[in-house]
């Protein structure tokens, strides 16, 4: 292969191997399966309930705009507005949106908020620990300086070589 084709193939491979491409593919497949569930719910439950006022199927609701809506020789006479199709599609959309929001978006938002709070709390504890450690180290330093005594040159970095807690001192 030529270098140009190799770079194009490498770029294509990098594109395919990105995590978000795989996530998108999974989302499309799940979305298609979910669409079947929602359509079955609308057609099997919602449409008959709403359609109980005349027809069993929402898609059967029509109005005639001009003329009579009769079928003559296999053709519809007049201008029909099939508003039942629009109502059925709208209900499908609203049900899909509600299920996605209440079963996916809302729980994920709550999860991410709890996760952010926990992270913030961890950061606060970490900062507190860093401050506490610094304070403890200062206290240890001050205690060691106090143990050396006033003639040891404390604070200048030149000590007598005393080891805290051993009780032994080396002579200068």
C-alpha atoms as a PDB file:
ATOM      1  CA  UNK A   1       0.000   0.000   0.000  1.00  0.00           C
ATOM      2  CA  UNK A   2       1.060   3.548  -0.539  1.00  0.00           C
ATOM      3  CA  UNK A   3       1.828   5.746   2.484  1.00  0.00           C
ATOM      4  CA  UNK A   4      -1.316   7.786   1.850  1.00  0.00           C
ATOM      5  CA  UNK A   5      -3.533   4.681   1.863  1.00  0.00           C
ATOM      6  CA  UNK A   6      -1.811   3.420   5.010  1.00  0.00           C
ATOM      7  CA  UNK A   7      -2.485   6.682   6.832  1.00  0.00           C
ATOM      8  CA  UNK A   8      -6.098   6.669   5.664  1.00  0.00           C
ATOM      9  CA  UNK A   9      -6.527   3.079   6.852  1.00  0.00           C
ATOM     10  CA  UNK A  10      -4.800   3.891  10.156  1.00  0.00           C
ATOM     11  CA  UNK A  11      -7.143   6.846  10.641  1.00  0.00           C
ATOM     12  CA  UNK A  12     -10.155   4.689   9.773  1.00  0.00           C
ATOM     13  CA  UNK A  13      -9.003   2.012  12.221  1.00  0.00           C
ATOM     14  CA  UNK A  14      -8.531   4.653  14.950  1.00  0.00           C
ATOM     15  CA  UNK A  15     -12.031   5.977  14.218  1.00  0.00           C
ATOM     16  CA  UNK A  16     -13.565   2.517  14.518  1.00  0.00           C
ATOM     17  CA  UNK A  17     -11.686   1.709  17.700  1.00  0.00           C
ATOM     18  CA  UNK A  18     -12.872   4.816  19.552  1.00  0.00           C
ATOM     19  CA  UNK A  19     -15.151   3.974  22.426  1.00  0.00           C
ATOM     20  CA  UNK A  20     -17.876   6.367  21.359  1.00  0.00           C
ATOM     21  CA  UNK A  21     -18.349   4.643  17.988  1.00  0.00           C
ATOM     22  CA  UNK A  22     -18.996   1.347  19.736  1.00  0.00           C
ATOM     23  CA  UNK A  23     -21.322   3.083  22.208  1.00  0.00           C
ATOM     24  CA  UNK A  24     -23.213   4.669  19.333  1.00  0.00           C
ATOM     25  CA  UNK A  25     -23.614   1.319  17.567  1.00  0.00           C
ATOM     26  CA  UNK A  26     -24.962  -0.268  20.745  1.00  0.00           C
ATOM     27  CA  UNK A  27     -27.326   2.673  21.229  1.00  0.00           C
ATOM     28  CA  UNK A  28     -28.719   2.278  17.699  1.00  0.00           C
ATOM     29  CA  UNK A  29     -29.346  -1.454  18.179  1.00  0.00           C
ATOM     30  CA  UNK A  30     -30.952  -0.945  21.593  1.00  0.00           C
ATOM     31  CA  UNK A  31     -32.975   1.961  20.198  1.00  0.00           C
ATOM     32  CA  UNK A  32     -34.330  -0.186  17.379  1.00  0.00           C
ATOM     33  CA  UNK A  33     -35.379  -2.908  19.820  1.00  0.00           C
ATOM     34  CA  UNK A  34     -36.860  -0.322  22.152  1.00  0.00           C
ATOM     35  CA  UNK A  35     -38.846   1.184  19.279  1.00  0.00           C
ATOM     36  CA  UNK A  36     -40.543  -2.167  18.727  1.00  0.00           C
ATOM     37  CA  UNK A  37     -41.568  -2.291  22.384  1.00  0.00           C
ATOM     38  CA  UNK A  38     -42.972   1.232  22.316  1.00  0.00           C
ATOM     39  CA  UNK A  39     -44.823   0.648  19.047  1.00  0.00           C
ATOM     40  CA  UNK A  40     -46.349  -2.543  20.461  1.00  0.00           C
ATOM     41  CA  UNK A  41     -47.403  -0.665  23.598  1.00  0.00           C
ATOM     42  CA  UNK A  42     -49.037   2.097  21.575  1.00  0.00           C
ATOM     43  CA  UNK A  43     -50.714  -0.262  19.126  1.00  0.00           C
ATOM     44  CA  UNK A  44     -51.756  -2.893  21.692  1.00  0.00           C
ATOM     45  CA  UNK A  45     -52.718  -0.753  24.694  1.00  0.00           C
ATOM     46  CA  UNK A  46     -52.870   2.994  24.098  1.00  0.00           C
ATOM     47  CA  UNK A  47     -54.578   2.975  20.702  1.00  0.00           C
ATOM     48  CA  UNK A  48     -57.443   0.697  21.788  1.00  0.00           C
ATOM     49  CA  UNK A  49     -58.028   2.789  24.926  1.00  0.00           C
ATOM     50  CA  UNK A  50     -58.055   6.074  23.013  1.00  0.00           C
ATOM     51  CA  UNK A  51     -59.877   4.467  20.109  1.00  0.00           C
ATOM     52  CA  UNK A  52     -62.666   3.190  22.340  1.00  0.00           C
ATOM     53  CA  UNK A  53     -64.703   6.186  21.215  1.00  0.00           C
ATOM     54  CA  UNK A  54     -65.349   4.818  17.734  1.00  0.00           C
ATOM     55  CA  UNK A  55     -62.639   2.691  16.189  1.00  0.00           C
ATOM     56  CA  UNK A  56     -60.236   0.215  17.734  1.00  0.00           C
ATOM     57  CA  UNK A  57     -57.254   1.742  15.986  1.00  0.00           C
ATOM     58  CA  UNK A  58     -56.107   5.345  16.203  1.00  0.00           C
ATOM     59  CA  UNK A  59     -54.743   5.111  12.698  1.00  0.00           C
ATOM     60  CA  UNK A  60     -58.281   4.658  11.456  1.00  0.00           C
ATOM     61  CA  UNK A  61     -59.336   8.173  12.442  1.00  0.00           C
ATOM     62  CA  UNK A  62     -59.765  10.285   9.335  1.00  0.00           C
ATOM     63  CA  UNK A  63     -61.556  13.395   8.321  1.00  0.00           C
ATOM     64  CA  UNK A  64     -62.722  14.373   4.909  1.00  0.00           C
ATOM     65  CA  UNK A  65     -61.695  17.847   3.885  1.00  0.00           C
ATOM     66  CA  UNK A  66     -63.502  18.061   0.577  1.00  0.00           C
ATOM     67  CA  UNK A  67     -66.166  15.842  -0.837  1.00  0.00           C
ATOM     68  CA  UNK A  68     -67.148  12.503   0.577  1.00  0.00           C
ATOM     69  CA  UNK A  69     -64.511  10.088   1.799  1.00  0.00           C
ATOM     70  CA  UNK A  70     -65.853   7.073   0.032  1.00  0.00           C
ATOM     71  CA  UNK A  71     -63.915   4.409  -1.785  1.00  0.00           C
ATOM     72  CA  UNK A  72     -65.128   4.045  -5.364  1.00  0.00           C
ATOM     73  CA  UNK A  73     -63.435   1.511  -7.626  1.00  0.00           C
ATOM     74  CA  UNK A  74     -60.521   1.175  -5.170  1.00  0.00           C
ATOM     75  CA  UNK A  75     -59.849   4.926  -5.023  1.00  0.00           C
ATOM     76  CA  UNK A  76     -60.689   7.335  -2.228  1.00  0.00           C
ATOM     77  CA  UNK A  77     -63.002  10.105  -3.306  1.00  0.00           C
ATOM     78  CA  UNK A  78     -62.399  13.494  -1.704  1.00  0.00           C
ATOM     79  CA  UNK A  79     -59.437  14.782   0.305  1.00  0.00           C
ATOM     80  CA  UNK A  80     -58.696  12.798   3.437  1.00  0.00           C
ATOM     81  CA  UNK A  81     -56.756  13.999   6.423  1.00  0.00           C
ATOM     82  CA  UNK A  82     -55.510  10.982   8.368  1.00  0.00           C
ATOM     83  CA  UNK A  83     -55.039  12.665  11.694  1.00  0.00           C
ATOM     84  CA  UNK A  84     -55.132   9.326  13.507  1.00  0.00           C
ATOM     85  CA  UNK A  85     -51.703   8.488  12.057  1.00  0.00           C
ATOM     86  CA  UNK A  86     -50.297  11.746  13.413  1.00  0.00           C
ATOM     87  CA  UNK A  87     -51.893  11.167  16.824  1.00  0.00           C
ATOM     88  CA  UNK A  88     -50.525   7.614  16.967  1.00  0.00           C
ATOM     89  CA  UNK A  89     -47.006   8.768  16.027  1.00  0.00           C
ATOM     90  CA  UNK A  90     -47.194  11.594  18.574  1.00  0.00           C
ATOM     91  CA  UNK A  91     -48.223   9.195  21.332  1.00  0.00           C
ATOM     92  CA  UNK A  92     -45.394   6.857  20.360  1.00  0.00           C
ATOM     93  CA  UNK A  93     -42.934   9.742  20.567  1.00  0.00           C
ATOM     94  CA  UNK A  94     -44.239  10.949  23.941  1.00  0.00           C
ATOM     95  CA  UNK A  95     -44.161   7.466  25.427  1.00  0.00           C
ATOM     96  CA  UNK A  96     -40.646   6.895  24.113  1.00  0.00           C
ATOM     97  CA  UNK A  97     -39.470  10.240  25.462  1.00  0.00           C
ATOM     98  CA  UNK A  98     -41.055   9.591  28.868  1.00  0.00           C
ATOM     99  CA  UNK A  99     -39.537   6.127  29.181  1.00  0.00           C
ATOM    100  CA  UNK A 100     -36.098   7.350  28.107  1.00  0.00           C
ATOM    101  CA  UNK A 101     -36.269  10.283  30.507  1.00  0.00           C
ATOM    102  CA  UNK A 102     -37.624   8.470  33.567  1.00  0.00           C
ATOM    103  CA  UNK A 103     -35.771   5.180  33.133  1.00  0.00           C
ATOM    104  CA  UNK A 104     -32.472   6.411  31.681  1.00  0.00           C
ATOM    105  CA  UNK A 105     -31.780  10.151  31.835  1.00  0.00           C
ATOM    106  CA  UNK A 106     -33.102  10.897  35.330  1.00  0.00           C
ATOM    107  CA  UNK A 107     -31.393   7.936  37.062  1.00  0.00           C
ATOM    108  CA  UNK A 108     -28.124   8.688  35.249  1.00  0.00           C
ATOM    109  CA  UNK A 109     -28.291  12.357  36.284  1.00  0.00           C
ATOM    110  CA  UNK A 110     -28.865  11.338  39.910  1.00  0.00           C
ATOM    111  CA  UNK A 111     -25.994   8.847  39.723  1.00  0.00           C
ATOM    112  CA  UNK A 112     -23.621  11.439  38.250  1.00  0.00           C
ATOM    113  CA  UNK A 113     -24.656  14.007  40.879  1.00  0.00           C
ATOM    114  CA  UNK A 114     -23.980  11.528  43.699  1.00  0.00           C
ATOM    115  CA  UNK A 115     -20.665  10.630  42.100  1.00  0.00           C
ATOM    116  CA  UNK A 116     -19.676  14.302  41.825  1.00  0.00           C
ATOM    117  CA  UNK A 117     -20.626  14.884  45.484  1.00  0.00           C
ATOM    118  CA  UNK A 118     -18.571  11.877  46.562  1.00  0.00           C
ATOM    119  CA  UNK A 119     -15.608  13.115  44.510  1.00  0.00           C
ATOM    120  CA  UNK A 120     -15.944  16.581  46.033  1.00  0.00           C
ATOM    121  CA  UNK A 121     -16.101  15.052  49.510  1.00  0.00           C
ATOM    122  CA  UNK A 122     -12.997  12.963  48.764  1.00  0.00           C
ATOM    123  CA  UNK A 123     -11.171  16.077  47.596  1.00  0.00           C
ATOM    124  CA  UNK A 124     -12.206  17.885  50.790  1.00  0.00           C
ATOM    125  CA  UNK A 125     -10.950  14.994  52.936  1.00  0.00           C
ATOM    126  CA  UNK A 126      -7.717  14.894  50.942  1.00  0.00           C
ATOM    127  CA  UNK A 127      -7.156  18.628  51.478  1.00  0.00           C
ATOM    128  CA  UNK A 128      -7.947  18.242  55.176  1.00  0.00           C
ATOM    129  CA  UNK A 129      -5.518  15.331  55.423  1.00  0.00           C
ATOM    130  CA  UNK A 130      -2.796  17.325  53.668  1.00  0.00           C
ATOM    131  CA  UNK A 131      -3.292  20.230  56.071  1.00  0.00           C
ATOM    132  CA  UNK A 132      -3.397  17.869  59.058  1.00  0.00           C
ATOM    133  CA  UNK A 133      -0.205  16.121  57.938  1.00  0.00           C
ATOM    134  CA  UNK A 134       1.531  19.455  57.520  1.00  0.00           C
ATOM    135  CA  UNK A 135       0.436  20.563  60.989  1.00  0.00           C
ATOM    136  CA  UNK A 136       1.655  17.293  62.513  1.00  0.00           C
ATOM    137  CA  UNK A 137       5.021  17.623  60.793  1.00  0.00           C
ATOM    138  CA  UNK A 138       5.378  21.187  62.096  1.00  0.00           C
ATOM    139  CA  UNK A 139       4.585  20.005  65.625  1.00  0.00           C
ATOM    140  CA  UNK A 140       7.192  17.232  65.342  1.00  0.00           C
ATOM    141  CA  UNK A 141       9.764  19.757  64.109  1.00  0.00           C
ATOM    142  CA  UNK A 142       8.972  22.150  66.932  1.00  0.00           C
ATOM    143  CA  UNK A 143       9.182  19.331  69.474  1.00  0.00           C
ATOM    144  CA  UNK A 144      12.575  18.205  68.148  1.00  0.00           C
ATOM    145  CA  UNK A 145      13.845  21.776  68.234  1.00  0.00           C
ATOM    146  CA  UNK A 146      12.670  22.117  71.830  1.00  0.00           C
ATOM    147  CA  UNK A 147      14.435  18.873  72.798  1.00  0.00           C
ATOM    148  CA  UNK A 148      17.759  20.044  71.414  1.00  0.00           C
ATOM    149  CA  UNK A 149      17.863  22.950  73.780  1.00  0.00           C
ATOM    150  CA  UNK A 150      18.895  26.590  73.371  1.00  0.00           C
ATOM    151  CA  UNK A 151      22.635  25.963  72.753  1.00  0.00           C
ATOM    152  CA  UNK A 152      22.241  23.475  69.924  1.00  0.00           C
ATOM    153  CA  UNK A 153      21.852  26.012  67.112  1.00  0.00           C
ATOM    154  CA  UNK A 154      18.303  25.007  66.509  1.00  0.00           C
ATOM    155  CA  UNK A 155      16.637  26.505  63.519  1.00  0.00           C
ATOM    156  CA  UNK A 156      19.852  26.968  61.544  1.00  0.00           C
ATOM    157  CA  UNK A 157      20.070  23.464  60.220  1.00  0.00           C
ATOM    158  CA  UNK A 158      23.264  22.797  62.191  1.00  0.00           C
ATOM    159  CA  UNK A 159      22.361  20.574  65.089  1.00  0.00           C
ATOM    160  CA  UNK A 160      24.239  18.351  67.453  1.00  0.00           C
ATOM    161  CA  UNK A 161      23.093  15.214  65.746  1.00  0.00           C
ATOM    162  CA  UNK A 162      20.624  14.355  68.464  1.00  0.00           C
ATOM    163  CA  UNK A 163      18.118  11.671  67.673  1.00  0.00           C
ATOM    164  CA  UNK A 164      14.723  12.325  69.150  1.00  0.00           C
ATOM    165  CA  UNK A 165      13.716   9.926  71.812  1.00  0.00           C
ATOM    166  CA  UNK A 166      17.080   8.115  72.128  1.00  0.00           C
ATOM    167  CA  UNK A 167      18.582  10.247  74.845  1.00  0.00           C
ATOM    168  CA  UNK A 168      22.036  10.115  73.220  1.00  0.00           C
ATOM    169  CA  UNK A 169      23.910  13.095  71.940  1.00  0.00           C
ATOM    170  CA  UNK A 170      27.099  13.322  69.999  1.00  0.00           C
ATOM    171  CA  UNK A 171      29.637  15.926  71.046  1.00  0.00           C
ATOM    172  CA  UNK A 172      30.768  18.618  68.670  1.00  0.00           C
END
